[in-house]
PDB file of N, CA and C in Angstrom:
ATOM      1  N   MET A   1       0.851  -1.174   0.000  1.00  0.00           N
ATOM      2  CA  MET A   1       0.000   0.000   0.000  1.00  0.00           C
ATOM      3  C   MET A   1       0.897   1.236   0.000  1.00  0.00           C
ATOM      4  N   ALA A   2       0.547   2.189  -0.854  1.00  0.00           N
ATOM      5  CA  ALA A   2       1.352   3.395  -0.956  1.00  0.00           C
ATOM      6  C   ALA A   2       0.441   4.615  -0.917  1.00  0.00           C
ATOM      7  N   GLY A   3       1.041   5.781  -0.890  1.00  0.00           N
ATOM      8  CA  GLY A   3       0.251   7.002  -0.919  1.00  0.00           C
ATOM      9  C   GLY A   3      -0.162   7.434   0.465  1.00  0.00           C
ATOM     10  N   ILE A   4      -1.380   7.961   0.557  1.00  0.00           N
ATOM     11  CA  ILE A   4      -1.875   8.490   1.822  1.00  0.00           C
ATOM     12  C   ILE A   4      -2.986   7.618   2.377  1.00  0.00           C
ATOM     13  N   SER A   5      -3.375   7.888   3.594  1.00  0.00           N
ATOM     14  CA  SER A   5      -4.426   7.140   4.285  1.00  0.00           C
ATOM     15  C   SER A   5      -5.771   7.859   4.127  1.00  0.00           C
ATOM     16  N   PHE A   6      -6.869   7.108   4.206  1.00  0.00           N
ATOM     17  CA  PHE A   6      -8.197   7.710   4.179  1.00  0.00           C
ATOM     18  C   PHE A   6      -8.392   8.677   5.343  1.00  0.00           C
ATOM     19  N   HIS A   7      -7.652   8.518   6.411  1.00  0.00           N
ATOM     20  CA  HIS A   7      -7.803   9.390   7.578  1.00  0.00           C
ATOM     21  C   HIS A   7      -7.287  10.808   7.314  1.00  0.00           C
ATOM     22  N   THR A   8      -6.480  10.975   6.275  1.00  0.00           N
ATOM     23  CA  THR A   8      -5.936  12.298   5.959  1.00  0.00           C
ATOM     24  C   THR A   8      -6.694  12.995   4.836  1.00  0.00           C
ATOM     25  N   VAL A   9      -7.743  12.381   4.325  1.00  0.00           N
ATOM     26  CA  VAL A   9      -8.541  12.954   3.248  1.00  0.00           C
ATOM     27  C   VAL A   9      -9.332  14.147   3.772  1.00  0.00           C
ATOM     28  N   ARG A  10      -9.400  15.211   2.971  1.00  0.00           N
ATOM     29  CA  ARG A  10     -10.087  16.439   3.366  1.00  0.00           C
ATOM     30  C   ARG A  10     -11.098  16.844   2.297  1.00  0.00           C
ATOM     31  N   ALA A  11     -12.217  17.398   2.740  1.00  0.00           N
ATOM     32  CA  ALA A  11     -13.237  17.893   1.810  1.00  0.00           C
ATOM     33  C   ALA A  11     -12.651  19.013   0.959  1.00  0.00           C
ATOM     34  N   GLY A  12     -13.016  19.025  -0.318  1.00  0.00           N
ATOM     35  CA  GLY A  12     -12.536  20.052  -1.234  1.00  0.00           C
ATOM     36  C   GLY A  12     -11.252  19.688  -1.948  1.00  0.00           C
ATOM     37  N   LYS A  13     -10.579  18.643  -1.518  1.00  0.00           N
ATOM     38  CA  LYS A  13      -9.322  18.214  -2.149  1.00  0.00           C
ATOM     39  C   LYS A  13      -9.610  17.172  -3.229  1.00  0.00           C
ATOM     40  N   ARG A  14      -8.662  17.007  -4.146  1.00  0.00           N
ATOM     41  CA  ARG A  14      -8.784  16.041  -5.237  1.00  0.00           C
ATOM     42  C   ARG A  14      -7.788  14.908  -5.037  1.00  0.00           C
ATOM     43  N   TYR A  15      -8.239  13.690  -5.393  1.00  0.00           N
ATOM     44  CA  TYR A  15      -7.441  12.493  -5.154  1.00  0.00           C
ATOM     45  C   TYR A  15      -7.523  11.533  -6.334  1.00  0.00           C
ATOM     46  N   ARG A  16      -6.519  10.673  -6.437  1.00  0.00           N
ATOM     47  CA  ARG A  16      -6.497   9.580  -7.406  1.00  0.00           C
ATOM     48  C   ARG A  16      -6.386   8.278  -6.623  1.00  0.00           C
ATOM     49  N   LEU A  17      -7.325   7.368  -6.854  1.00  0.00           N
ATOM     50  CA  LEU A  17      -7.351   6.080  -6.184  1.00  0.00           C
ATOM     51  C   LEU A  17      -7.133   4.980  -7.217  1.00  0.00           C
ATOM     52  N   THR A  18      -6.166   4.117  -6.968  1.00  0.00           N
ATOM     53  CA  THR A  18      -5.939   2.940  -7.783  1.00  0.00           C
ATOM     54  C   THR A  18      -6.260   1.732  -6.931  1.00  0.00           C
ATOM     55  N   ASN A  19      -7.071   0.806  -7.482  1.00  0.00           N
ATOM     56  CA  ASN A  19      -7.451  -0.390  -6.753  1.00  0.00           C
ATOM     57  C   ASN A  19      -7.892  -1.457  -7.756  1.00  0.00           C
ATOM     58  N   TYR A  20      -7.273  -2.619  -7.701  1.00  0.00           N
ATOM     59  CA  TYR A  20      -7.584  -3.722  -8.615  1.00  0.00           C
ATOM     60  C   TYR A  20      -7.531  -3.286 -10.078  1.00  0.00           C
ATOM     61  N   GLY A  21      -6.545  -2.473 -10.433  1.00  0.00           N
ATOM     62  CA  GLY A  21      -6.360  -2.056 -11.816  1.00  0.00           C
ATOM     63  C   GLY A  21      -7.246  -0.907 -12.268  1.00  0.00           C
ATOM     64  N   GLU A  22      -8.181  -0.496 -11.457  1.00  0.00           N
ATOM     65  CA  GLU A  22      -9.069   0.623 -11.785  1.00  0.00           C
ATOM     66  C   GLU A  22      -8.500   1.911 -11.193  1.00  0.00           C
ATOM     67  N   VAL A  23      -8.581   2.992 -11.944  1.00  0.00           N
ATOM     68  CA  VAL A  23      -8.119   4.291 -11.471  1.00  0.00           C
ATOM     69  C   VAL A  23      -9.307   5.239 -11.446  1.00  0.00           C
ATOM     70  N   ALA A  24      -9.513   5.897 -10.308  1.00  0.00           N
ATOM     71  CA  ALA A  24     -10.592   6.877 -10.159  1.00  0.00           C
ATOM     72  C   ALA A  24      -9.992   8.183  -9.667  1.00  0.00           C
ATOM     73  N   GLU A  25     -10.368   9.274 -10.307  1.00  0.00           N
ATOM     74  CA  GLU A  25      -9.966  10.602  -9.858  1.00  0.00           C
ATOM     75  C   GLU A  25     -11.223  11.319  -9.406  1.00  0.00           C
ATOM     76  N   PHE A  26     -11.176  11.882  -8.203  1.00  0.00           N
ATOM     77  CA  PHE A  26     -12.376  12.475  -7.629  1.00  0.00           C
ATOM     78  C   PHE A  26     -12.047  13.635  -6.713  1.00  0.00           C
ATOM     79  N   GLU A  27     -13.075  14.441  -6.451  1.00  0.00           N
ATOM     80  CA  GLU A  27     -13.006  15.518  -5.463  1.00  0.00           C
ATOM     81  C   GLU A  27     -13.920  15.134  -4.317  1.00  0.00           C
ATOM     82  N   VAL A  28     -13.443  15.294  -3.096  1.00  0.00           N
ATOM     83  CA  VAL A  28     -14.247  14.967  -1.922  1.00  0.00           C
ATOM     84  C   VAL A  28     -15.223  16.111  -1.661  1.00  0.00           C
ATOM     85  N   LEU A  29     -16.517  15.781  -1.633  1.00  0.00           N
ATOM     86  CA  LEU A  29     -17.554  16.779  -1.390  1.00  0.00           C
ATOM     87  C   LEU A  29     -17.947  16.851   0.069  1.00  0.00           C
ATOM     88  N   GLU A  30     -18.021  15.688   0.722  1.00  0.00           N
ATOM     89  CA  GLU A  30     -18.523  15.641   2.103  1.00  0.00           C
ATOM     90  C   GLU A  30     -17.925  14.436   2.821  1.00  0.00           C
ATOM     91  N   ILE A  31     -17.457  14.654   4.044  1.00  0.00           N
ATOM     92  CA  ILE A  31     -16.937  13.584   4.890  1.00  0.00           C
ATOM     93  C   ILE A  31     -18.083  13.076   5.761  1.00  0.00           C
ATOM     94  N   ASN A  32     -18.300  11.755   5.754  1.00  0.00           N
ATOM     95  CA  ASN A  32     -19.341  11.125   6.566  1.00  0.00           C
ATOM     96  C   ASN A  32     -18.705  10.224   7.613  1.00  0.00           C
ATOM     97  N   PRO A  33     -19.407   9.935   8.692  1.00  0.00           N
ATOM     98  CA  PRO A  33     -18.875   8.985   9.666  1.00  0.00           C
ATOM     99  C   PRO A  33     -18.724   7.607   9.030  1.00  0.00           C
ATOM    100  N   GLY A  34     -17.781   6.872   9.470  1.00  0.00           N
ATOM    101  CA  GLY A  34     -17.698   5.498   8.962  1.00  0.00           C
ATOM    102  C   GLY A  34     -16.333   4.886   8.888  1.00  0.00           C
ATOM    103  N   PRO A  35     -15.292   5.403   8.375  1.00  0.00           N
ATOM    104  CA  PRO A  35     -15.197   6.639   7.587  1.00  0.00           C
ATOM    105  C   PRO A  35     -15.628   6.397   6.139  1.00  0.00           C
ATOM    106  N   ASP A  36     -16.463   7.267   5.638  1.00  0.00           N
ATOM    107  CA  ASP A  36     -16.901   7.230   4.250  1.00  0.00           C
ATOM    108  C   ASP A  36     -17.086   8.666   3.817  1.00  0.00           C
ATOM    109  N   PHE A  37     -17.078   8.914   2.549  1.00  0.00           N
ATOM    110  CA  PHE A  37     -17.303  10.268   2.084  1.00  0.00           C
ATOM    111  C   PHE A  37     -17.922  10.268   0.696  1.00  0.00           C
ATOM    112  N   VAL A  38     -18.602  11.380   0.419  1.00  0.00           N
ATOM    113  CA  VAL A  38     -19.238  11.589  -0.874  1.00  0.00           C
ATOM    114  C   VAL A  38     -18.209  12.251  -1.777  1.00  0.00           C
ATOM    115  N   VAL A  39     -18.074  11.709  -2.998  1.00  0.00           N
ATOM    116  CA  VAL A  39     -17.093  12.238  -3.935  1.00  0.00           C
ATOM    117  C   VAL A  39     -17.765  12.551  -5.275  1.00  0.00           C
ATOM    118  N   LYS A  40     -17.115  13.436  -6.032  1.00  0.00           N
ATOM    119  CA  LYS A  40     -17.549  13.737  -7.388  1.00  0.00           C
ATOM    120  C   LYS A  40     -16.433  13.287  -8.321  1.00  0.00           C
ATOM    121  N   ASP A  41     -16.761  12.385  -9.242  1.00  0.00           N
ATOM    122  CA  ASP A  41     -15.797  11.899 -10.219  1.00  0.00           C
ATOM    123  C   ASP A  41     -15.380  13.060 -11.120  1.00  0.00           C
ATOM    124  N   LEU A  42     -14.078  13.250 -11.304  1.00  0.00           N
ATOM    125  CA  LEU A  42     -13.592  14.377 -12.093  1.00  0.00           C
ATOM    126  C   LEU A  42     -13.788  14.172 -13.588  1.00  0.00           C
ATOM    127  N   ASN A  43     -14.004  12.940 -14.036  1.00  0.00           N
ATOM    128  CA  ASN A  43     -14.195  12.679 -15.464  1.00  0.00           C
ATOM    129  C   ASN A  43     -15.661  12.654 -15.865  1.00  0.00           C
ATOM    130  N   THR A  44     -16.505  12.020 -15.058  1.00  0.00           N
ATOM    131  CA  THR A  44     -17.924  11.871 -15.412  1.00  0.00           C
ATOM    132  C   THR A  44     -18.827  12.848 -14.668  1.00  0.00           C
ATOM    133  N   LEU A  45     -18.313  13.493 -13.616  1.00  0.00           N
ATOM    134  CA  LEU A  45     -19.051  14.404 -12.740  1.00  0.00           C
ATOM    135  C   LEU A  45     -20.139  13.704 -11.942  1.00  0.00           C
ATOM    136  N   GLU A  46     -20.137  12.372 -11.945  1.00  0.00           N
ATOM    137  CA  GLU A  46     -21.061  11.567 -11.146  1.00  0.00           C
ATOM    138  C   GLU A  46     -20.675  11.680  -9.672  1.00  0.00           C
ATOM    139  N   THR A  47     -21.656  11.655  -8.776  1.00  0.00           N
ATOM    140  CA  THR A  47     -21.371  11.628  -7.341  1.00  0.00           C
ATOM    141  C   THR A  47     -21.700  10.240  -6.795  1.00  0.00           C
ATOM    142  N   TYR A  48     -20.874   9.790  -5.854  1.00  0.00           N
ATOM    143  CA  TYR A  48     -21.051   8.484  -5.236  1.00  0.00           C
ATOM    144  C   TYR A  48     -20.262   8.423  -3.940  1.00  0.00           C
ATOM    145  N   GLN A  49     -20.427   7.344  -3.194  1.00  0.00           N
ATOM    146  CA  GLN A  49     -19.682   7.109  -1.951  1.00  0.00           C
ATOM    147  C   GLN A  49     -18.351   6.444  -2.303  1.00  0.00           C
ATOM    148  N   VAL A  50     -17.291   6.833  -1.632  1.00  0.00           N
ATOM    149  CA  VAL A  50     -15.989   6.216  -1.897  1.00  0.00           C
ATOM    150  C   VAL A  50     -16.003   4.736  -1.508  1.00  0.00           C
ATOM    151  N   SER A  51     -16.896   4.344  -0.609  1.00  0.00           N
ATOM    152  CA  SER A  51     -16.992   2.927  -0.232  1.00  0.00           C
ATOM    153  C   SER A  51     -17.361   2.056  -1.435  1.00  0.00           C
ATOM    154  N   ASP A  52     -18.015   2.639  -2.448  1.00  0.00           N
ATOM    155  CA  ASP A  52     -18.321   1.890  -3.672  1.00  0.00           C
ATOM    156  C   ASP A  52     -17.042   1.483  -4.402  1.00  0.00           C
ATOM    157  N   LEU A  53     -15.991   2.280  -4.266  1.00  0.00           N
ATOM    158  CA  LEU A  53     -14.724   1.985  -4.949  1.00  0.00           C
ATOM    159  C   LEU A  53     -13.921   0.891  -4.256  1.00  0.00           C
ATOM    160  N   ILE A  54     -14.144   0.718  -2.957  1.00  0.00           N
ATOM    161  CA  ILE A  54     -13.343  -0.275  -2.218  1.00  0.00           C
ATOM    162  C   ILE A  54     -14.208  -1.352  -1.591  1.00  0.00           C
ATOM    163  N   ARG A  55     -15.396  -1.546  -2.107  1.00  0.00           N
ATOM    164  CA  ARG A  55     -16.325  -2.519  -1.506  1.00  0.00           C
ATOM    165  C   ARG A  55     -15.792  -3.943  -1.541  1.00  0.00           C
ATOM    166  N   TYR A  56     -14.904  -4.258  -2.487  1.00  0.00           N
ATOM    167  CA  TYR A  56     -14.347  -5.615  -2.579  1.00  0.00           C
ATOM    168  C   TYR A  56     -12.976  -5.724  -1.915  1.00  0.00           C
ATOM    169  N   GLY A  57     -12.608  -4.737  -1.139  1.00  0.00           N
ATOM    170  CA  GLY A  57     -11.329  -4.757  -0.434  1.00  0.00           C
ATOM    171  C   GLY A  57     -10.280  -3.939  -1.152  1.00  0.00           C
ATOM    172  N   LYS A  58      -9.097  -4.006  -0.621  1.00  0.00           N
ATOM    173  CA  LYS A  58      -7.963  -3.270  -1.179  1.00  0.00           C
ATOM    174  C   LYS A  58      -7.039  -4.255  -1.867  1.00  0.00           C
ATOM    175  N   GLY A  59      -6.839  -4.060  -3.162  1.00  0.00           N
ATOM    176  CA  GLY A  59      -6.002  -4.945  -3.962  1.00  0.00           C
ATOM    177  C   GLY A  59      -4.527  -4.691  -3.746  1.00  0.00           C
ATOM    178  N   PRO A  60      -3.686  -5.523  -4.344  1.00  0.00           N
ATOM    179  CA  PRO A  60      -2.237  -5.368  -4.189  1.00  0.00           C
ATOM    180  C   PRO A  60      -1.704  -4.077  -4.802  1.00  0.00           C
ATOM    181  N   ASP A  61      -2.471  -3.465  -5.689  1.00  0.00           N
ATOM    182  CA  ASP A  61      -2.046  -2.215  -6.328  1.00  0.00           C
ATOM    183  C   ASP A  61      -2.691  -0.981  -5.694  1.00  0.00           C
ATOM    184  N   TYR A  62      -3.355  -1.144  -4.543  1.00  0.00           N
ATOM    185  CA  TYR A  62      -4.066  -0.050  -3.894  1.00  0.00           C
ATOM    186  C   TYR A  62      -3.140   1.125  -3.606  1.00  0.00           C
ATOM    187  N   ALA A  63      -3.561   2.319  -4.018  1.00  0.00           N
ATOM    188  CA  ALA A  63      -2.821   3.543  -3.712  1.00  0.00           C
ATOM    189  C   ALA A  63      -3.788   4.715  -3.768  1.00  0.00           C
ATOM    190  N   LEU A  64      -3.649   5.643  -2.849  1.00  0.00           N
ATOM    191  CA  LEU A  64      -4.447   6.855  -2.813  1.00  0.00           C
ATOM    192  C   LEU A  64      -3.481   8.028  -2.764  1.00  0.00           C
ATOM    193  N   TRP A  65      -3.621   8.947  -3.729  1.00  0.00           N
ATOM    194  CA  TRP A  65      -2.729  10.099  -3.835  1.00  0.00           C
ATOM    195  C   TRP A  65      -3.527  11.375  -3.972  1.00  0.00           C
ATOM    196  N   GLU A  66      -3.045  12.446  -3.359  1.00  0.00           N
ATOM    197  CA  GLU A  66      -3.650  13.759  -3.587  1.00  0.00           C
ATOM    198  C   GLU A  66      -3.139  14.277  -4.928  1.00  0.00           C
ATOM    199  N   ILE A  67      -4.032  14.875  -5.712  1.00  0.00           N
ATOM    200  CA  ILE A  67      -3.598  15.427  -7.014  1.00  0.00           C
ATOM    201  C   ILE A  67      -3.851  16.918  -7.061  1.00  0.00           C
TER     202      ILE A  67
END
């Protein structure tokens, strides 16, 4: 695991998440208890929970970076 931890994520910041070969770039809109947060995809502008991206666990290529 590389990059930063979910505990350091801040609302209004942009991040790139790699997990199981998938790459997602998003802006954090709202931090929720859990820890979970609402994000806006920077490519599609869709909003969703970040838990949707890691629902199957963290793969060997898992990395979260601020962009």
